[in-house]
Amino acid sequence: MGTRLRTERLVLEPLEVRHADAIFEALQAPSVHEFIETSGPWTRETVRRRLERLAEGPPQGSDDIWLNYVVLLDDRLVGRVEATVHGSLAEVAYLFDPTVSGHGYATESVEWLLGHLRDDHAVSEAWATVDPRNAASIRLLGRCGFALRDSVPVEVQSYDDGDLVYLRRPV
């Protein structure tokens, strides 16, 4: 088992293939994938294959660092947070079980991730992208101190056409 990290209410642990079934269960609701062009519908096998790919890490020759964590509430997987670190810049993303919405777990997890990026990876700016129709995610980014930007650095690759781009600096 990987290292378990804590916030006030949650445990975050590095994402592993063994989490595939729990991720499938927690994130299978169609609303989880509503605003992500490249997401879902998932099957247990597609989740397992995706986690196997993530476990391989960045492509050979890349200087990127992939950070992927599951978020647990009383040993129940309720979401995941992730970051791709490109030097002092990171792209952050998150997915949460909609049945736990409204309790601040996503905010708590993203804030933890931002602190981890700053303290352990010397990241000074974090970027996030969101579908403009995803009001809940936009509110989350606002609570976490992100500001809307007009342009995106070339390093930021995880967005779909038409997404809004947000920056938090300093992290």
Protein backbone atom coordinates (compact mmCIF):
# COMPACT_ATOMS: atom_id res chain seq x y z
CA MET A 1 0.00 0.00 0.00
CA GLY A 2 1.23 3.52 -0.78
CA THR A 3 1.83 6.33 1.67
CA ARG A 4 -1.33 7.65 3.28
CA LEU A 5 -1.52 11.44 3.62
CA ARG A 6 -4.10 13.28 5.66
CA THR A 7 -6.12 16.45 5.63
CA GLU A 8 -8.44 17.34 8.48
CA ARG A 9 -11.14 14.88 7.33
CA LEU A 10 -9.68 12.92 4.45
CA VAL A 11 -6.96 10.45 3.57
CA LEU A 12 -5.16 10.78 0.24
CA GLU A 13 -3.04 7.96 -1.05
CA PRO A 14 -1.16 7.47 -4.29
CA LEU A 15 -3.37 6.04 -7.00
CA GLU A 16 -2.67 2.38 -7.76
CA VAL A 17 -4.20 -0.23 -10.04
CA ARG A 18 -5.76 -1.86 -6.96
CA HIS A 19 -8.08 1.19 -6.73
CA ALA A 20 -9.73 0.43 -10.09
CA ASP A 21 -12.95 -1.13 -8.77
CA ALA A 22 -13.45 1.60 -6.14
CA ILE A 23 -12.85 4.33 -8.74
CA PHE A 24 -15.30 2.71 -11.09
CA GLU A 25 -17.95 2.58 -8.34
CA ALA A 26 -17.38 6.15 -7.11
CA LEU A 27 -17.09 7.84 -10.50
CA GLN A 28 -19.51 5.96 -12.74
CA ALA A 29 -22.34 8.52 -12.52
CA PRO A 30 -22.92 10.12 -15.94
CA SER A 31 -22.73 13.58 -14.34
CA VAL A 32 -19.04 12.97 -13.52
CA HIS A 33 -18.25 12.83 -17.24
CA GLU A 34 -20.76 15.39 -18.49
CA PHE A 35 -18.21 18.15 -19.09
CA ILE A 36 -15.14 16.11 -20.07
CA GLU A 37 -14.97 15.22 -23.77
CA THR A 38 -12.36 12.51 -23.23
CA SER A 39 -14.04 10.89 -20.21
CA GLY A 40 -16.47 8.00 -19.91
CA PRO A 41 -18.53 6.11 -20.20
CA TRP A 42 -16.24 3.87 -18.17
CA THR A 43 -16.20 0.15 -17.67
CA ARG A 44 -14.24 -1.66 -14.98
CA GLU A 45 -11.78 -2.76 -17.66
CA THR A 46 -11.24 0.74 -19.10
CA VAL A 47 -10.61 2.09 -15.59
CA ARG A 48 -8.11 -0.70 -14.90
CA ARG A 49 -6.30 -0.06 -18.22
CA ARG A 50 -6.17 3.68 -17.50
CA LEU A 51 -4.64 3.06 -14.08
CA GLU A 52 -2.10 0.67 -15.56
CA ARG A 53 -1.09 3.41 -18.00
CA LEU A 54 -0.82 5.99 -15.20
CA ALA A 55 1.36 3.58 -13.20
CA GLU A 56 3.85 3.56 -16.09
CA GLY A 57 4.45 7.28 -15.56
CA PRO A 58 5.24 9.98 -18.11
CA PRO A 59 6.55 9.02 -21.54
CA GLN A 60 10.20 8.09 -21.69
CA GLY A 61 12.39 11.16 -22.10
CA SER A 62 9.85 13.47 -20.47
CA ASP A 63 10.82 15.60 -17.48
CA ASP A 64 7.19 15.73 -16.33
CA ILE A 65 6.12 14.33 -12.98
CA TRP A 66 2.70 12.70 -12.66
CA LEU A 67 1.01 12.89 -9.28
CA ASN A 68 -2.22 10.95 -8.86
CA TYR A 69 -4.09 10.44 -5.60
CA VAL A 70 -7.33 8.86 -4.49
CA VAL A 71 -9.36 10.66 -1.85
CA LEU A 72 -10.82 8.51 0.93
CA LEU A 73 -13.46 9.41 3.48
CA ASP A 74 -13.65 6.78 6.22
CA ASP A 75 -12.00 4.29 3.83
CA ARG A 76 -14.59 5.02 1.09
CA LEU A 77 -13.13 6.33 -2.17
CA VAL A 78 -14.92 9.62 -2.92
CA GLY A 79 -12.70 11.12 -5.60
CA ARG A 80 -9.30 11.70 -7.05
CA VAL A 81 -6.94 14.62 -7.53
CA GLU A 82 -4.01 14.79 -9.88
CA ALA A 83 -1.29 17.06 -11.17
CA THR A 84 1.17 17.01 -14.01
CA VAL A 85 4.27 18.95 -13.01
CA HIS A 86 6.26 20.71 -15.74
CA GLY A 87 9.13 22.29 -13.79
CA SER A 88 7.66 25.10 -11.68
CA LEU A 89 4.27 24.88 -13.39
CA ALA A 90 1.59 22.26 -12.70
CA GLU A 91 -1.71 21.31 -14.27
CA VAL A 92 -4.27 20.18 -11.70
CA ALA A 93 -7.44 18.17 -12.14
CA TYR A 94 -10.00 16.40 -9.99
CA LEU A 95 -13.04 14.14 -10.15
CA PHE A 96 -15.43 13.48 -7.25
CA ASP A 97 -18.38 11.24 -6.54
CA PRO A 98 -21.43 13.51 -6.94
CA THR A 99 -23.11 11.87 -3.94
CA VAL A 100 -20.63 13.66 -1.63
CA SER A 101 -21.02 17.07 -3.26
CA GLY A 102 -21.53 20.05 -0.99
CA HIS A 103 -19.36 18.91 1.92
CA GLY A 104 -16.12 20.64 0.89
CA TYR A 105 -14.17 17.43 0.20
CA ALA A 106 -13.10 18.56 -3.26
CA THR A 107 -11.96 21.95 -1.95
CA GLU A 108 -10.06 20.32 0.91
CA SER A 109 -8.38 17.87 -1.48
CA VAL A 110 -7.40 20.47 -4.07
CA GLU A 111 -5.99 22.73 -1.34
CA TRP A 112 -3.96 19.78 -0.04
CA LEU A 113 -2.68 19.09 -3.57
CA LEU A 114 -1.67 22.73 -4.05
CA GLY A 115 0.26 22.71 -0.78
CA HIS A 116 1.96 19.44 -1.77
CA LEU A 117 2.93 20.93 -5.13
CA ARG A 118 4.37 24.03 -3.46
CA ASP A 119 6.15 22.32 -0.57
CA ASP A 120 7.39 19.11 -2.19
CA HIS A 121 7.75 20.01 -5.88
CA ALA A 122 8.63 23.75 -5.85
CA VAL A 123 5.63 24.58 -8.06
CA SER A 124 4.92 28.31 -8.21
CA GLU A 125 1.90 28.34 -10.51
CA ALA A 126 -0.98 25.92 -10.91
CA TRP A 127 -3.26 25.81 -13.92
CA ALA A 128 -6.69 24.26 -14.27
CA THR A 129 -9.14 24.11 -17.14
CA VAL A 130 -12.90 23.70 -17.00
CA ASP A 131 -15.86 23.51 -19.33
CA PRO A 132 -17.68 26.86 -19.08
CA ARG A 133 -20.96 25.02 -18.31
CA ASN A 134 -19.47 23.36 -15.21
CA ALA A 135 -20.57 25.88 -12.58
CA ALA A 136 -19.63 23.65 -9.64
CA SER A 137 -16.04 23.27 -10.84
CA ILE A 138 -15.76 27.01 -11.52
CA ARG A 139 -16.92 27.71 -7.95
CA LEU A 140 -14.37 25.19 -6.63
CA LEU A 141 -11.54 26.91 -8.49
CA GLY A 142 -12.67 30.27 -7.08
CA ARG A 143 -12.69 28.89 -3.52
CA CYS A 144 -9.16 27.60 -4.11
CA GLY A 145 -7.84 31.00 -5.24
CA PHE A 146 -7.69 30.43 -9.00
CA ALA A 147 -8.29 33.37 -11.35
CA LEU A 148 -9.59 33.24 -14.92
CA ARG A 149 -6.95 33.86 -17.59
CA ASP A 150 -7.16 34.77 -21.26
CA SER A 151 -4.29 32.61 -22.44
CA VAL A 152 -2.62 29.36 -21.53
CA PRO A 153 1.09 28.43 -21.56
CA VAL A 154 2.18 25.87 -24.12
CA GLU A 155 2.97 23.37 -21.33
CA VAL A 156 -0.72 23.11 -20.39
CA GLN A 157 -2.09 20.29 -22.51
CA SER A 158 -5.12 18.93 -20.63
CA TYR A 159 -7.99 20.95 -21.95
CA ASP A 160 -10.71 20.73 -24.55
CA ASP A 161 -11.52 23.43 -27.10
CA GLY A 162 -13.65 26.10 -25.49
CA ASP A 163 -12.55 25.38 -21.91
CA LEU A 164 -11.96 28.23 -19.49
CA VAL A 165 -8.40 28.46 -18.18
CA TYR A 166 -7.57 29.32 -14.58
CA LEU A 167 -4.31 30.14 -12.81
CA ARG A 168 -3.33 30.20 -9.16
CA ARG A 169 -0.11 32.02 -8.46
CA PRO A 170 1.57 31.77 -6.06
CA VAL A 171 0.62 28.22 -5.26
